[in-house]
Amino acid sequence: MEKQIFISLPIEDFQNVLIDCVNTCLRNNQQEQSEHIKNDRWMDINELCQYHPDKPTKATVYGWVNARTIPVHKGGKKLRFLVSEIDEWLLSNRLQSQAEMVNEAGKYLVNKNGGKR
């Protein structure tokens, strides 16, 4: 059973409480974002080749850039990579397990056939 509390507040007090809550949430969000930015760093192509788990060659990375498969920033002719974006890109390329594929195929068939198998 849920506990419920009812209180009576003047509208001005309620507004102040609400404003304080919103401001606290905004401050916390800004702190998290600034910590994330502080921990992030830029890499050039040589650093990326060393950072990437497969240790690709420069030619391979240039191929990824040309195919637009890797997140990259260009400054003139220089390529720059953000560690956070590379980490996110690496995690997004995860292959599904066989069980996940079977589950997804089952859901597809149910939706395609209107629930009939």
N, C-alpha and C. Protein backbone atom coordinates (compact mmCIF):
# COMPACT_ATOMS: atom_id res chain seq x y z
N MET A 1 0.84 -1.18 0.00
CA MET A 1 0.00 0.00 0.00
C MET A 1 0.89 1.24 0.00
N GLU A 2 0.58 2.20 -0.89
CA GLU A 2 1.36 3.42 -0.98
C GLU A 2 0.99 4.38 0.13
N LYS A 3 1.99 5.06 0.63
CA LYS A 3 1.74 6.09 1.62
C LYS A 3 1.58 7.41 0.90
N GLN A 4 0.61 8.17 1.29
CA GLN A 4 0.36 9.46 0.68
C GLN A 4 0.38 10.53 1.75
N ILE A 5 0.99 11.64 1.40
CA ILE A 5 1.04 12.77 2.32
C ILE A 5 0.42 13.97 1.62
N PHE A 6 -0.49 14.62 2.28
CA PHE A 6 -1.11 15.82 1.76
C PHE A 6 -0.73 16.97 2.67
N ILE A 7 -0.21 18.02 2.07
CA ILE A 7 0.14 19.19 2.87
C ILE A 7 -0.50 20.42 2.23
N SER A 8 -0.63 21.41 3.03
CA SER A 8 -1.20 22.67 2.55
C SER A 8 -0.10 23.72 2.58
N LEU A 9 0.20 24.29 1.40
CA LEU A 9 1.23 25.33 1.30
C LEU A 9 0.64 26.53 0.58
N PRO A 10 1.03 27.70 1.02
CA PRO A 10 0.66 28.88 0.22
C PRO A 10 1.32 28.75 -1.16
N ILE A 11 0.70 29.29 -2.18
CA ILE A 11 1.19 29.16 -3.54
C ILE A 11 2.62 29.68 -3.69
N GLU A 12 2.96 30.75 -3.00
CA GLU A 12 4.31 31.32 -3.08
C GLU A 12 5.34 30.33 -2.56
N ASP A 13 5.04 29.65 -1.45
CA ASP A 13 5.96 28.65 -0.90
C ASP A 13 6.11 27.47 -1.86
N PHE A 14 5.00 27.05 -2.43
CA PHE A 14 5.05 25.95 -3.39
C PHE A 14 5.91 26.32 -4.59
N GLN A 15 5.73 27.53 -5.09
CA GLN A 15 6.54 27.99 -6.23
C GLN A 15 8.02 28.00 -5.87
N ASN A 16 8.34 28.46 -4.67
CA ASN A 16 9.74 28.51 -4.24
C ASN A 16 10.34 27.11 -4.13
N VAL A 17 9.57 26.18 -3.58
CA VAL A 17 10.04 24.79 -3.47
C VAL A 17 10.27 24.22 -4.86
N LEU A 18 9.34 24.46 -5.75
CA LEU A 18 9.45 23.95 -7.11
C LEU A 18 10.66 24.56 -7.83
N ILE A 19 10.86 25.85 -7.69
CA ILE A 19 12.01 26.52 -8.31
C ILE A 19 13.32 25.97 -7.75
N ASP A 20 13.38 25.77 -6.44
CA ASP A 20 14.59 25.20 -5.83
C ASP A 20 14.88 23.80 -6.37
N CYS A 21 13.84 23.00 -6.53
CA CYS A 21 14.03 21.64 -7.07
C CYS A 21 14.56 21.68 -8.50
N VAL A 22 13.96 22.52 -9.31
CA VAL A 22 14.40 22.63 -10.72
C VAL A 22 15.84 23.12 -10.79
N ASN A 23 16.16 24.14 -10.01
CA ASN A 23 17.53 24.67 -10.01
C ASN A 23 18.54 23.64 -9.55
N THR A 24 18.19 22.85 -8.55
CA THR A 24 19.09 21.79 -8.08
C THR A 24 19.32 20.76 -9.18
N CYS A 25 18.27 20.37 -9.87
CA CYS A 25 18.40 19.42 -10.98
C CYS A 25 19.28 19.99 -12.09
N LEU A 26 19.08 21.25 -12.42
CA LEU A 26 19.89 21.88 -13.47
C LEU A 26 21.35 21.95 -13.07
N ARG A 27 21.63 22.30 -11.83
CA ARG A 27 23.03 22.36 -11.36
C ARG A 27 23.68 20.99 -11.42
N ASN A 28 22.96 19.96 -10.98
CA ASN A 28 23.50 18.60 -11.03
C ASN A 28 23.79 18.18 -12.46
N ASN A 29 22.90 18.51 -13.37
CA ASN A 29 23.09 18.16 -14.78
C ASN A 29 24.30 18.88 -15.35
N GLN A 30 24.46 20.16 -15.02
CA GLN A 30 25.60 20.93 -15.51
C GLN A 30 26.91 20.37 -14.95
N GLN A 31 26.92 19.94 -13.69
CA GLN A 31 28.12 19.37 -13.10
C GLN A 31 28.49 18.07 -13.80
N GLU A 32 27.48 17.23 -14.10
CA GLU A 32 27.76 15.97 -14.80
C GLU A 32 28.32 16.24 -16.18
N GLN A 33 27.76 17.22 -16.88
CA GLN A 33 28.23 17.54 -18.22
C GLN A 33 29.65 18.10 -18.17
N SER A 34 29.94 18.96 -17.20
CA SER A 34 31.29 19.53 -17.13
C SER A 34 32.31 18.47 -16.75
N GLU A 35 31.94 17.51 -15.90
CA GLU A 35 32.85 16.41 -15.58
C GLU A 35 33.11 15.55 -16.81
N HIS A 36 32.06 15.32 -17.59
CA HIS A 36 32.21 14.54 -18.82
C HIS A 36 33.15 15.25 -19.79
N ILE A 37 32.98 16.58 -19.93
CA ILE A 37 33.83 17.35 -20.84
C ILE A 37 35.26 17.36 -20.34
N LYS A 38 35.48 17.46 -19.03
CA LYS A 38 36.84 17.46 -18.49
C LYS A 38 37.54 16.14 -18.79
N ASN A 39 36.80 15.03 -18.72
CA ASN A 39 37.40 13.72 -18.94
C ASN A 39 37.58 13.42 -20.42
N ASP A 40 36.93 14.16 -21.30
CA ASP A 40 37.03 13.93 -22.72
C ASP A 40 38.31 14.57 -23.24
N ARG A 41 38.85 13.98 -24.31
CA ARG A 41 40.03 14.57 -24.91
C ARG A 41 40.04 14.30 -26.40
N TRP A 42 40.80 15.10 -27.10
CA TRP A 42 40.94 14.96 -28.54
C TRP A 42 42.11 14.05 -28.86
N MET A 43 41.97 13.28 -29.94
CA MET A 43 43.06 12.43 -30.42
C MET A 43 43.29 12.73 -31.89
N ASP A 44 44.55 12.61 -32.32
CA ASP A 44 44.82 12.66 -33.75
C ASP A 44 44.77 11.22 -34.27
N ILE A 45 45.04 11.04 -35.53
CA ILE A 45 44.89 9.71 -36.12
C ILE A 45 45.87 8.70 -35.53
N ASN A 46 47.09 9.16 -35.19
CA ASN A 46 48.06 8.24 -34.58
C ASN A 46 47.60 7.75 -33.21
N GLU A 47 47.06 8.69 -32.42
CA GLU A 47 46.56 8.31 -31.10
C GLU A 47 45.35 7.38 -31.22
N LEU A 48 44.50 7.65 -32.20
CA LEU A 48 43.34 6.78 -32.42
C LEU A 48 43.79 5.37 -32.75
N CYS A 49 44.79 5.24 -33.62
CA CYS A 49 45.29 3.91 -33.99
C CYS A 49 45.79 3.15 -32.77
N GLN A 50 46.39 3.86 -31.82
CA GLN A 50 46.87 3.22 -30.60
C GLN A 50 45.73 2.95 -29.61
N TYR A 51 44.73 3.81 -29.60
CA TYR A 51 43.62 3.71 -28.65
C TYR A 51 42.65 2.60 -29.04
N HIS A 52 42.38 2.45 -30.32
CA HIS A 52 41.40 1.48 -30.80
C HIS A 52 41.87 0.07 -30.43
N PRO A 53 40.96 -0.78 -29.95
CA PRO A 53 41.36 -2.12 -29.50
C PRO A 53 42.00 -2.97 -30.60
N ASP A 54 41.63 -2.76 -31.86
CA ASP A 54 42.18 -3.56 -32.96
C ASP A 54 43.48 -3.00 -33.51
N LYS A 55 43.89 -1.84 -33.04
CA LYS A 55 45.11 -1.17 -33.50
C LYS A 55 45.15 -1.09 -35.03
N PRO A 56 44.14 -0.42 -35.63
CA PRO A 56 44.08 -0.35 -37.09
C PRO A 56 45.21 0.51 -37.65
N THR A 57 45.50 0.32 -38.94
CA THR A 57 46.50 1.15 -39.61
C THR A 57 45.85 2.49 -39.96
N LYS A 58 46.69 3.46 -40.30
CA LYS A 58 46.16 4.76 -40.71
C LYS A 58 45.28 4.59 -41.95
N ALA A 59 45.69 3.73 -42.87
CA ALA A 59 44.92 3.52 -44.10
C ALA A 59 43.51 3.01 -43.77
N THR A 60 43.41 2.13 -42.79
CA THR A 60 42.09 1.62 -42.39
C THR A 60 41.24 2.74 -41.83
N VAL A 61 41.82 3.58 -40.98
CA VAL A 61 41.07 4.70 -40.38
C VAL A 61 40.64 5.67 -41.47
N TYR A 62 41.55 5.97 -42.43
CA TYR A 62 41.17 6.85 -43.53
C TYR A 62 40.00 6.25 -44.32
N GLY A 63 39.98 4.95 -44.47
CA GLY A 63 38.86 4.28 -45.14
C GLY A 63 37.56 4.46 -44.37
N TRP A 64 37.63 4.32 -43.03
CA TRP A 64 36.44 4.53 -42.20
C TRP A 64 35.93 5.97 -42.32
N VAL A 65 36.90 6.92 -42.33
CA VAL A 65 36.52 8.34 -42.45
C VAL A 65 35.86 8.58 -43.80
N ASN A 66 36.45 8.04 -44.86
CA ASN A 66 35.91 8.22 -46.20
C ASN A 66 34.51 7.61 -46.33
N ALA A 67 34.30 6.46 -45.68
CA ALA A 67 32.99 5.79 -45.71
C ALA A 67 32.02 6.40 -44.70
N ARG A 68 32.51 7.35 -43.91
CA ARG A 68 31.71 8.01 -42.87
C ARG A 68 31.15 7.02 -41.85
N THR A 69 31.96 6.05 -41.49
CA THR A 69 31.52 5.08 -40.48
C THR A 69 32.05 5.40 -39.09
N ILE A 70 33.02 6.29 -38.99
CA ILE A 70 33.61 6.64 -37.70
C ILE A 70 33.36 8.12 -37.43
N PRO A 71 33.04 8.49 -36.18
CA PRO A 71 32.85 9.92 -35.88
C PRO A 71 34.18 10.67 -35.94
N VAL A 72 34.20 11.73 -36.71
CA VAL A 72 35.44 12.48 -36.92
C VAL A 72 35.13 13.96 -37.02
N HIS A 73 36.10 14.77 -36.64
CA HIS A 73 36.02 16.23 -36.79
C HIS A 73 37.22 16.64 -37.61
N LYS A 74 36.99 17.52 -38.57
CA LYS A 74 38.10 17.99 -39.40
C LYS A 74 38.42 19.43 -39.06
N GLY A 75 39.69 19.68 -38.87
CA GLY A 75 40.19 21.03 -38.69
C GLY A 75 41.18 21.29 -39.79
N GLY A 76 40.71 21.90 -40.88
CA GLY A 76 41.57 22.03 -42.06
C GLY A 76 41.76 20.65 -42.65
N LYS A 77 43.02 20.22 -42.75
CA LYS A 77 43.30 18.87 -43.27
C LYS A 77 43.49 17.85 -42.16
N LYS A 78 43.50 18.32 -40.92
CA LYS A 78 43.73 17.40 -39.79
C LYS A 78 42.45 16.73 -39.36
N LEU A 79 42.57 15.46 -39.04
CA LEU A 79 41.44 14.70 -38.50
C LEU A 79 41.58 14.66 -36.99
N ARG A 80 40.47 14.90 -36.31
CA ARG A 80 40.46 14.85 -34.85
C ARG A 80 39.31 13.98 -34.40
N PHE A 81 39.56 13.23 -33.33
CA PHE A 81 38.58 12.28 -32.81
C PHE A 81 38.41 12.53 -31.33
N LEU A 82 37.16 12.56 -30.85
CA LEU A 82 36.88 12.69 -29.42
C LEU A 82 36.80 11.29 -28.81
N VAL A 83 37.47 11.10 -27.70
CA VAL A 83 37.49 9.79 -27.04
C VAL A 83 36.06 9.32 -26.74
N SER A 84 35.22 10.22 -26.23
CA SER A 84 33.85 9.83 -25.87
C SER A 84 33.07 9.35 -27.09
N GLU A 85 33.26 10.02 -28.23
CA GLU A 85 32.55 9.62 -29.44
C GLU A 85 33.07 8.28 -29.97
N ILE A 86 34.38 8.07 -29.86
CA ILE A 86 34.95 6.80 -30.30
C ILE A 86 34.46 5.67 -29.41
N ASP A 87 34.43 5.90 -28.10
CA ASP A 87 33.93 4.88 -27.18
C ASP A 87 32.48 4.52 -27.50
N GLU A 88 31.65 5.55 -27.73
CA GLU A 88 30.24 5.32 -28.06
C GLU A 88 30.12 4.55 -29.37
N TRP A 89 30.94 4.90 -30.35
CA TRP A 89 30.94 4.24 -31.66
C TRP A 89 31.35 2.77 -31.51
N LEU A 90 32.37 2.53 -30.72
CA LEU A 90 32.82 1.14 -30.52
C LEU A 90 31.73 0.30 -29.86
N LEU A 91 31.04 0.88 -28.88
CA LEU A 91 29.98 0.14 -28.19
C LEU A 91 28.75 -0.07 -29.07
N SER A 92 28.50 0.85 -30.00
CA SER A 92 27.31 0.74 -30.84
C SER A 92 27.47 -0.32 -31.93
N ASN A 93 28.68 -0.76 -32.18
CA ASN A 93 28.92 -1.75 -33.23
C ASN A 93 28.84 -3.19 -32.72
N ARG A 94 28.21 -3.38 -31.59
CA ARG A 94 28.09 -4.70 -30.99
C ARG A 94 27.16 -5.58 -31.83
N LEU A 95 27.58 -6.80 -32.06
CA LEU A 95 26.75 -7.75 -32.80
C LEU A 95 25.78 -8.43 -31.84
N GLN A 96 24.62 -8.78 -32.37
CA GLN A 96 23.62 -9.47 -31.55
C GLN A 96 24.04 -10.92 -31.33
N SER A 97 23.68 -11.43 -30.17
CA SER A 97 23.89 -12.85 -29.91
C SER A 97 22.84 -13.65 -30.67
N GLN A 98 23.04 -14.94 -30.78
CA GLN A 98 22.08 -15.78 -31.49
C GLN A 98 20.71 -15.73 -30.81
N ALA A 99 20.72 -15.74 -29.48
CA ALA A 99 19.45 -15.69 -28.74
C ALA A 99 18.71 -14.38 -29.02
N GLU A 100 19.45 -13.27 -29.10
CA GLU A 100 18.83 -11.98 -29.40
C GLU A 100 18.24 -11.98 -30.81
N MET A 101 18.96 -12.57 -31.76
CA MET A 101 18.45 -12.63 -33.13
C MET A 101 17.18 -13.48 -33.22
N VAL A 102 17.17 -14.62 -32.53
CA VAL A 102 15.99 -15.49 -32.53
C VAL A 102 14.80 -14.75 -31.92
N ASN A 103 15.04 -14.06 -30.81
CA ASN A 103 13.99 -13.29 -30.15
C ASN A 103 13.45 -12.20 -31.06
N GLU A 104 14.34 -11.48 -31.73
CA GLU A 104 13.93 -10.41 -32.63
C GLU A 104 13.15 -10.98 -33.83
N ALA A 105 13.61 -12.11 -34.35
CA ALA A 105 12.90 -12.74 -35.48
C ALA A 105 11.50 -13.18 -35.06
N GLY A 106 11.38 -13.71 -33.85
CA GLY A 106 10.08 -14.12 -33.34
C GLY A 106 9.13 -12.94 -33.22
N LYS A 107 9.63 -11.82 -32.71
CA LYS A 107 8.80 -10.61 -32.59
C LYS A 107 8.39 -10.12 -33.97
N TYR A 108 9.30 -10.18 -34.92
CA TYR A 108 9.00 -9.73 -36.28
C TYR A 108 7.88 -10.57 -36.88
N LEU A 109 8.00 -11.90 -36.72
CA LEU A 109 6.98 -12.78 -37.29
C LEU A 109 5.62 -12.57 -36.64
N VAL A 110 5.60 -12.34 -35.34
CA VAL A 110 4.34 -12.09 -34.66
C VAL A 110 3.70 -10.82 -35.19
N ASN A 111 4.50 -9.77 -35.34
CA ASN A 111 3.96 -8.50 -35.83
C ASN A 111 3.56 -8.59 -37.30
N LYS A 112 4.33 -9.30 -38.10
CA LYS A 112 4.06 -9.42 -39.53
C LYS A 112 2.77 -10.19 -39.78
N ASN A 113 2.56 -11.25 -39.03
CA ASN A 113 1.39 -12.12 -39.23
C ASN A 113 0.21 -11.73 -38.36
N GLY A 114 0.31 -10.62 -37.70
CA GLY A 114 -0.79 -10.20 -36.84
C GLY A 114 -0.99 -11.11 -35.65
N GLY A 115 0.09 -11.70 -35.16
CA GLY A 115 0.00 -12.56 -33.99
C GLY A 115 -0.16 -14.01 -34.32
N LYS A 116 -0.25 -14.36 -35.63
CA LYS A 116 -0.39 -15.76 -36.04
C LYS A 116 0.96 -16.30 -36.44
N ARG A 117 1.27 -17.51 -36.04
CA ARG A 117 2.54 -18.13 -36.41
C ARG A 117 2.32 -19.24 -37.37
